[in-house]
Amino acid sequence: MAKKTTKKPAAKKSLKKKVVKSVVQKATKKAVAKKVLKKKNTKAVAKKVTKLVLKKAPATKKTAKKVAKKAIKKAA
């Protein structure tokens, strides 16, 4: 059991960079395509992106939210 816990943080780091980037890009592209991404709707988009990130990646909600915020800033 102890070995598993030591592996987790390393997995999260690599996962954040590679998987999450592609997931977030897809999510933001979809949002832009549907014209959801406007100043009013950034929160809704953030929620969608965080959900997608959590689905594809075993990251915590906090990290997913951070990633989503960054992605939205880039996309908007």
N, C-alpha and C. Protein backbone atom coordinates (compact mmCIF):
# COMPACT_ATOMS: atom_id res chain seq x y z
N MET A 1 0.82 -1.21 0.00
CA MET A 1 0.00 0.00 0.00
C MET A 1 0.86 1.27 0.00
N ALA A 2 1.97 1.22 0.70
CA ALA A 2 2.80 2.42 0.81
C ALA A 2 3.38 2.82 -0.55
N LYS A 3 3.70 1.83 -1.36
CA LYS A 3 4.28 2.13 -2.68
C LYS A 3 3.30 2.92 -3.55
N LYS A 4 2.04 2.57 -3.48
CA LYS A 4 1.03 3.25 -4.31
C LYS A 4 0.96 4.74 -3.99
N THR A 5 1.00 5.08 -2.72
CA THR A 5 0.85 6.49 -2.34
C THR A 5 2.03 7.33 -2.83
N THR A 6 3.21 6.74 -2.90
CA THR A 6 4.37 7.52 -3.35
C THR A 6 4.29 7.81 -4.84
N LYS A 7 3.62 6.96 -5.60
CA LYS A 7 3.54 7.15 -7.05
C LYS A 7 2.56 8.25 -7.45
N LYS A 8 1.58 8.50 -6.63
CA LYS A 8 0.50 9.41 -7.03
C LYS A 8 0.94 10.81 -7.46
N PRO A 9 1.73 11.54 -6.67
CA PRO A 9 2.06 12.92 -7.07
C PRO A 9 2.79 13.01 -8.40
N ALA A 10 3.67 12.06 -8.66
CA ALA A 10 4.41 12.05 -9.92
C ALA A 10 3.43 11.84 -11.08
N ALA A 11 2.49 10.94 -10.88
CA ALA A 11 1.51 10.67 -11.93
C ALA A 11 0.68 11.91 -12.21
N LYS A 12 0.32 12.62 -11.16
CA LYS A 12 -0.49 13.83 -11.33
C LYS A 12 0.24 14.86 -12.17
N LYS A 13 1.53 15.04 -11.90
CA LYS A 13 2.30 16.06 -12.61
C LYS A 13 2.34 15.77 -14.11
N SER A 14 2.69 14.54 -14.47
CA SER A 14 2.81 14.19 -15.88
C SER A 14 1.44 14.27 -16.55
N LEU A 15 0.45 13.87 -15.79
CA LEU A 15 -0.91 13.85 -16.30
C LEU A 15 -1.42 15.26 -16.58
N LYS A 16 -1.14 16.17 -15.67
CA LYS A 16 -1.56 17.56 -15.85
C LYS A 16 -1.10 18.09 -17.19
N LYS A 17 0.19 17.91 -17.47
CA LYS A 17 0.77 18.54 -18.65
C LYS A 17 0.24 17.93 -19.95
N LYS A 18 0.28 16.60 -20.06
CA LYS A 18 -0.02 15.98 -21.36
C LYS A 18 -1.52 15.79 -21.59
N VAL A 19 -2.14 14.98 -20.75
CA VAL A 19 -3.54 14.61 -20.98
C VAL A 19 -4.46 15.82 -20.86
N VAL A 20 -4.28 16.55 -19.78
CA VAL A 20 -5.19 17.65 -19.49
C VAL A 20 -5.14 18.71 -20.58
N LYS A 21 -3.96 18.95 -21.12
CA LYS A 21 -3.85 19.96 -22.19
C LYS A 21 -4.77 19.60 -23.35
N SER A 22 -4.70 18.37 -23.82
CA SER A 22 -5.51 17.96 -24.96
C SER A 22 -6.99 18.00 -24.61
N VAL A 23 -7.33 17.54 -23.41
CA VAL A 23 -8.73 17.53 -22.99
C VAL A 23 -9.28 18.94 -22.95
N VAL A 24 -8.50 19.83 -22.33
CA VAL A 24 -8.93 21.21 -22.17
C VAL A 24 -9.05 21.89 -23.53
N GLN A 25 -8.11 21.62 -24.40
CA GLN A 25 -8.16 22.23 -25.73
C GLN A 25 -9.43 21.81 -26.46
N LYS A 26 -9.75 20.52 -26.39
CA LYS A 26 -10.97 20.03 -27.04
C LYS A 26 -12.19 20.71 -26.45
N ALA A 27 -12.22 20.78 -25.12
CA ALA A 27 -13.39 21.37 -24.44
C ALA A 27 -13.55 22.84 -24.81
N THR A 28 -12.44 23.57 -24.80
CA THR A 28 -12.52 25.00 -25.10
C THR A 28 -12.89 25.21 -26.57
N LYS A 29 -12.38 24.36 -27.45
CA LYS A 29 -12.72 24.47 -28.87
C LYS A 29 -14.21 24.26 -29.07
N LYS A 30 -14.75 23.24 -28.39
CA LYS A 30 -16.18 22.98 -28.49
C LYS A 30 -16.97 24.19 -28.01
N ALA A 31 -16.53 24.76 -26.89
CA ALA A 31 -17.22 25.91 -26.31
C ALA A 31 -17.19 27.08 -27.29
N VAL A 32 -16.04 27.30 -27.90
CA VAL A 32 -15.90 28.41 -28.85
C VAL A 32 -16.78 28.16 -30.07
N ALA A 33 -16.80 26.91 -30.53
CA ALA A 33 -17.59 26.56 -31.70
C ALA A 33 -19.07 26.79 -31.45
N LYS A 34 -19.50 26.50 -30.24
CA LYS A 34 -20.91 26.70 -29.90
C LYS A 34 -21.20 28.12 -29.45
N LYS A 35 -20.16 28.96 -29.47
CA LYS A 35 -20.28 30.36 -29.04
C LYS A 35 -20.74 30.45 -27.59
N VAL A 36 -20.30 29.51 -26.78
CA VAL A 36 -20.64 29.54 -25.35
C VAL A 36 -19.65 30.45 -24.64
N LEU A 37 -18.45 30.52 -25.22
CA LEU A 37 -17.38 31.25 -24.55
C LEU A 37 -17.56 32.76 -24.75
N LYS A 38 -18.33 33.34 -23.89
CA LYS A 38 -18.45 34.80 -23.85
C LYS A 38 -18.15 35.20 -22.42
N LYS A 39 -18.02 36.49 -22.18
CA LYS A 39 -17.63 36.94 -20.84
C LYS A 39 -18.61 36.45 -19.77
N LYS A 40 -19.88 36.39 -20.10
CA LYS A 40 -20.88 35.97 -19.12
C LYS A 40 -20.77 34.48 -18.81
N ASN A 41 -20.45 33.70 -19.81
CA ASN A 41 -20.55 32.25 -19.66
C ASN A 41 -19.25 31.56 -19.29
N THR A 42 -18.25 32.29 -18.87
CA THR A 42 -16.97 31.64 -18.56
C THR A 42 -17.13 30.63 -17.43
N LYS A 43 -18.00 30.93 -16.47
CA LYS A 43 -18.19 30.00 -15.35
C LYS A 43 -18.76 28.67 -15.83
N ALA A 44 -19.74 28.73 -16.72
CA ALA A 44 -20.35 27.52 -17.25
C ALA A 44 -19.32 26.70 -18.01
N VAL A 45 -18.52 27.38 -18.80
CA VAL A 45 -17.47 26.70 -19.56
C VAL A 45 -16.47 26.07 -18.60
N ALA A 46 -16.13 26.80 -17.55
CA ALA A 46 -15.17 26.30 -16.57
C ALA A 46 -15.68 25.00 -15.96
N LYS A 47 -16.97 24.98 -15.65
CA LYS A 47 -17.55 23.77 -15.07
C LYS A 47 -17.43 22.60 -16.03
N LYS A 48 -17.76 22.84 -17.30
CA LYS A 48 -17.69 21.78 -18.30
C LYS A 48 -16.27 21.27 -18.44
N VAL A 49 -15.33 22.20 -18.50
CA VAL A 49 -13.93 21.82 -18.67
C VAL A 49 -13.45 21.02 -17.46
N THR A 50 -13.82 21.46 -16.27
CA THR A 50 -13.38 20.74 -15.07
C THR A 50 -13.95 19.33 -15.06
N LYS A 51 -15.20 19.20 -15.48
CA LYS A 51 -15.81 17.87 -15.52
C LYS A 51 -15.05 16.97 -16.49
N LEU A 52 -14.73 17.51 -17.66
CA LEU A 52 -13.99 16.73 -18.66
C LEU A 52 -12.63 16.32 -18.12
N VAL A 53 -11.97 17.26 -17.48
CA VAL A 53 -10.64 16.99 -16.94
C VAL A 53 -10.73 15.89 -15.90
N LEU A 54 -11.72 15.96 -15.04
CA LEU A 54 -11.87 14.96 -13.99
C LEU A 54 -12.20 13.60 -14.59
N LYS A 55 -12.96 13.58 -15.68
CA LYS A 55 -13.28 12.31 -16.33
C LYS A 55 -12.02 11.65 -16.89
N LYS A 56 -11.24 12.43 -17.63
CA LYS A 56 -10.08 11.85 -18.33
C LYS A 56 -8.90 11.64 -17.40
N ALA A 57 -8.83 12.43 -16.33
CA ALA A 57 -7.63 12.40 -15.51
C ALA A 57 -7.98 12.26 -14.03
N PRO A 58 -7.28 11.38 -13.33
CA PRO A 58 -7.51 11.24 -11.89
C PRO A 58 -6.88 12.38 -11.10
N ALA A 59 -7.29 13.58 -11.40
CA ALA A 59 -6.77 14.75 -10.69
C ALA A 59 -7.82 15.22 -9.68
N THR A 60 -7.38 16.01 -8.74
CA THR A 60 -8.32 16.53 -7.75
C THR A 60 -9.13 17.66 -8.37
N LYS A 61 -10.21 18.02 -7.73
CA LYS A 61 -11.05 19.09 -8.26
C LYS A 61 -10.30 20.41 -8.31
N LYS A 62 -9.47 20.66 -7.30
CA LYS A 62 -8.71 21.92 -7.27
C LYS A 62 -7.83 22.05 -8.50
N THR A 63 -7.07 20.99 -8.81
CA THR A 63 -6.17 21.06 -9.96
C THR A 63 -6.97 21.21 -11.24
N ALA A 64 -8.08 20.50 -11.34
CA ALA A 64 -8.91 20.58 -12.53
C ALA A 64 -9.43 22.00 -12.73
N LYS A 65 -9.85 22.63 -11.64
CA LYS A 65 -10.35 24.00 -11.72
C LYS A 65 -9.26 24.95 -12.18
N LYS A 66 -8.07 24.78 -11.62
CA LYS A 66 -6.94 25.63 -12.00
C LYS A 66 -6.66 25.50 -13.49
N VAL A 67 -6.61 24.26 -13.96
CA VAL A 67 -6.33 24.00 -15.37
C VAL A 67 -7.41 24.64 -16.24
N ALA A 68 -8.65 24.49 -15.83
CA ALA A 68 -9.76 25.04 -16.60
C ALA A 68 -9.65 26.56 -16.69
N LYS A 69 -9.34 27.18 -15.57
CA LYS A 69 -9.22 28.65 -15.55
C LYS A 69 -8.14 29.11 -16.52
N LYS A 70 -7.00 28.43 -16.49
CA LYS A 70 -5.90 28.79 -17.39
C LYS A 70 -6.34 28.64 -18.84
N ALA A 71 -7.00 27.54 -19.13
CA ALA A 71 -7.42 27.25 -20.50
C ALA A 71 -8.40 28.31 -21.00
N ILE A 72 -9.31 28.72 -20.13
CA ILE A 72 -10.30 29.70 -20.53
C ILE A 72 -9.65 31.05 -20.77
N LYS A 73 -8.68 31.39 -19.94
CA LYS A 73 -7.96 32.65 -20.15
C LYS A 73 -7.28 32.64 -21.51
N LYS A 74 -6.70 31.51 -21.88
CA LYS A 74 -6.02 31.41 -23.18
C LYS A 74 -7.03 31.48 -24.32
N ALA A 75 -8.15 30.80 -24.15
CA ALA A 75 -9.13 30.71 -25.23
C ALA A 75 -9.89 32.01 -25.42
N ALA A 76 -10.19 32.68 -24.33
CA ALA A 76 -11.02 33.90 -24.41
C ALA A 76 -10.24 35.06 -25.02
